[in-house]
Protein backbone atom coordinates (compact mmCIF):
# COMPACT_ATOMS: atom_id res chain seq x y z
CA MET A 1 294.91 83.38 -29.85
CA ALA A 2 298.44 83.49 -29.84
CA VAL A 3 300.99 82.83 -32.66
CA ALA A 4 301.96 79.24 -32.55
CA ALA A 5 304.86 78.36 -30.09
CA GLY A 6 305.59 81.82 -29.61
CA LEU A 7 307.08 82.47 -33.10
CA PRO A 8 307.26 85.92 -34.38
CA SER A 9 304.40 86.90 -36.54
CA ASP A 10 306.57 89.07 -38.69
CA GLY A 11 307.78 86.00 -40.74
CA SER A 12 311.13 85.97 -39.58
CA VAL A 13 311.17 82.21 -39.02
CA ALA A 14 309.57 81.51 -42.10
CA ARG A 15 311.91 83.48 -44.20
CA GLY A 16 314.07 81.18 -46.36
CA HIS A 17 311.33 78.58 -46.05
CA GLY A 18 308.91 79.70 -48.55
CA GLY A 19 308.56 83.47 -48.03
CA PRO A 20 306.85 85.67 -45.46
CA VAL A 21 304.22 84.44 -43.26
CA HIS A 22 301.56 86.82 -44.23
CA GLY A 23 302.48 87.45 -47.74
CA PRO A 24 300.76 85.85 -50.93
CA GLY A 25 300.63 82.14 -50.25
CA GLY A 26 301.74 82.95 -46.44
CA MET A 27 300.61 81.35 -43.46
CA THR A 28 299.27 82.26 -40.20
CA ALA A 29 299.50 79.36 -37.42
CA ARG A 30 297.49 79.78 -34.14
CA GLU A 31 297.71 77.88 -30.92
CA ALA A 32 294.88 76.52 -28.75
CA ARG A 33 294.74 74.02 -25.89
CA ALA A 34 293.58 70.64 -26.99
CA ALA A 35 289.99 71.13 -25.56
CA ARG A 36 287.99 70.94 -28.73
CA ALA A 37 287.68 66.99 -28.58
CA GLY A 38 286.76 66.75 -25.02
CA SER A 39 286.01 68.58 -21.76
CA ALA A 40 288.59 70.68 -19.82
CA ALA A 41 288.51 71.98 -16.14
CA GLY A 42 287.77 75.41 -15.94
CA PRO A 43 285.19 78.03 -17.01
CA ALA A 44 282.65 76.62 -19.59
CA LEU A 45 283.03 79.88 -21.67
CA THR A 46 286.79 79.21 -21.99
CA ALA A 47 286.30 75.57 -23.19
CA ALA A 48 283.40 76.62 -25.66
CA LEU A 49 285.69 79.40 -27.20
CA THR A 50 288.71 76.93 -27.45
CA ALA A 51 286.45 74.37 -29.00
CA ALA A 52 285.37 76.84 -31.72
CA LEU A 53 288.87 77.72 -32.96
CA GLY A 54 289.01 74.73 -35.23
CA ALA A 55 285.76 76.09 -36.92
CA VAL A 56 287.31 79.60 -37.08
CA ALA A 57 290.57 78.26 -38.55
CA LYS A 58 288.70 76.41 -41.37
CA SER A 59 286.52 79.51 -42.18
CA LEU A 60 289.41 81.93 -42.28
CA ALA A 61 291.25 79.48 -44.59
CA LEU A 62 288.70 80.24 -47.16
CA GLU A 63 288.19 83.92 -46.32
CA ILE A 64 291.77 85.18 -46.34
CA ALA A 65 293.15 82.74 -49.04
CA PRO A 66 295.77 82.49 -50.48
CA ILE A 67 297.12 83.24 -46.85
CA ARG A 68 297.08 79.74 -45.13
CA VAL A 69 295.50 79.38 -41.68
CA ASN A 70 296.24 76.37 -39.59
CA LEU A 71 295.54 75.57 -35.77
CA ILE A 72 298.12 74.07 -33.42
CA ALA A 73 295.91 72.50 -30.54
CA ALA A 74 298.61 71.55 -27.81
CA GLY A 75 297.83 69.40 -24.89
CA PHE A 76 300.22 69.64 -21.80
CA VAL A 77 303.52 71.18 -22.78
CA ASP A 78 306.53 70.75 -20.48
CA THR A 79 307.48 74.60 -19.92
CA PRO A 80 308.18 76.70 -16.95
CA LEU A 81 304.73 78.07 -16.89
CA SER A 82 303.22 74.66 -17.04
CA ALA A 83 305.39 73.80 -14.04
CA SER A 84 304.03 76.65 -12.04
CA LEU A 85 300.20 75.71 -12.58
CA PRO A 86 299.98 72.38 -10.60
CA GLY A 87 302.39 73.63 -7.82
CA ASP A 88 304.05 70.94 -5.99
CA ARG A 89 302.35 68.34 -7.92
CA PHE A 90 304.30 69.06 -11.23
CA GLY A 91 306.86 66.16 -10.94
CA GLU A 92 303.90 63.96 -10.00
CA LEU A 93 302.08 65.17 -13.14
CA ARG A 94 304.98 64.82 -15.52
CA GLU A 95 305.75 61.30 -14.31
CA GLN A 96 302.13 60.15 -14.80
CA LEU A 97 302.05 61.55 -18.36
CA ARG A 98 305.46 59.86 -19.10
CA THR A 99 303.93 56.61 -18.30
CA THR A 100 300.43 57.03 -19.54
CA LEU A 101 301.07 59.01 -22.98
CA PRO A 102 301.47 56.72 -26.20
CA ILE A 103 304.75 58.42 -26.90
CA ARG A 104 306.02 57.66 -23.43
CA ARG A 105 307.42 61.24 -22.83
CA VAL A 106 305.91 64.83 -22.34
CA VAL A 107 305.50 67.01 -25.21
CA GLY A 108 308.03 69.79 -25.18
CA PRO A 109 308.29 73.43 -26.79
CA ALA A 110 310.63 71.90 -29.66
CA ASP A 111 307.80 69.63 -30.66
CA ILE A 112 305.56 72.45 -31.08
CA ALA A 113 308.16 74.66 -32.85
CA ALA A 114 308.79 71.79 -35.25
CA LEU A 115 304.98 71.38 -36.05
CA ALA A 116 304.80 75.16 -36.60
CA VAL A 117 307.93 75.21 -39.05
CA HIS A 118 306.52 72.41 -40.98
CA LEU A 119 303.29 74.15 -41.28
CA MET A 120 304.86 77.35 -42.41
CA THR A 121 307.20 75.47 -45.16
CA SER A 122 304.49 73.15 -46.48
CA THR A 123 302.57 75.29 -48.80
CA ALA A 124 299.80 72.87 -49.44
CA VAL A 125 298.27 72.71 -45.90
CA THR A 126 295.43 75.05 -44.90
CA GLY A 127 292.41 75.09 -42.69
CA ALA A 128 293.50 72.20 -40.69
CA THR A 129 293.72 71.68 -36.88
CA PHE A 130 296.80 69.53 -35.43
CA ASP A 131 296.52 68.00 -32.27
CA ILE A 132 300.03 67.67 -30.57
CA ASP A 133 299.29 65.91 -27.25
CA GLY A 134 301.43 62.83 -27.13
CA GLY A 135 298.31 60.89 -27.90
CA GLN A 136 296.49 62.06 -24.62
CA GLN A 137 293.17 62.34 -26.48
CA ARG A 138 293.51 58.84 -27.53
CA ILE A 139 293.64 57.50 -24.02
CA GLY A 140 290.44 55.96 -22.75
CA GLU A 141 288.76 55.91 -26.11
């Protein structure tokens, strides 16, 4: 697991927005690909571990309270790393997502960062998983 949206785990982003991330009433946010609600291409073990992260977040929210634990389950995010994965099909994939996602655009790093900051500043949220995929999981339901 990685700290959500690459935010520093030392609390520097959250300071001034409710205190340090890991102090009393602090918060830890984790990021996972949105495979928990469906299948994903790739090894079965990776998909199973990713799917289990929501249960881990719920359990940790109780075990390490009052530190808050939330999971950000991101779908495809338009980043340079994402661009390198499909190779020369990236432009085609991005355009397909733009036309099929309910939000009619591709999720970007700023979307993930905004959710992470919201979770750090809202002291009443813990043990939750937040899908941020532009509605991709709703397609075909």
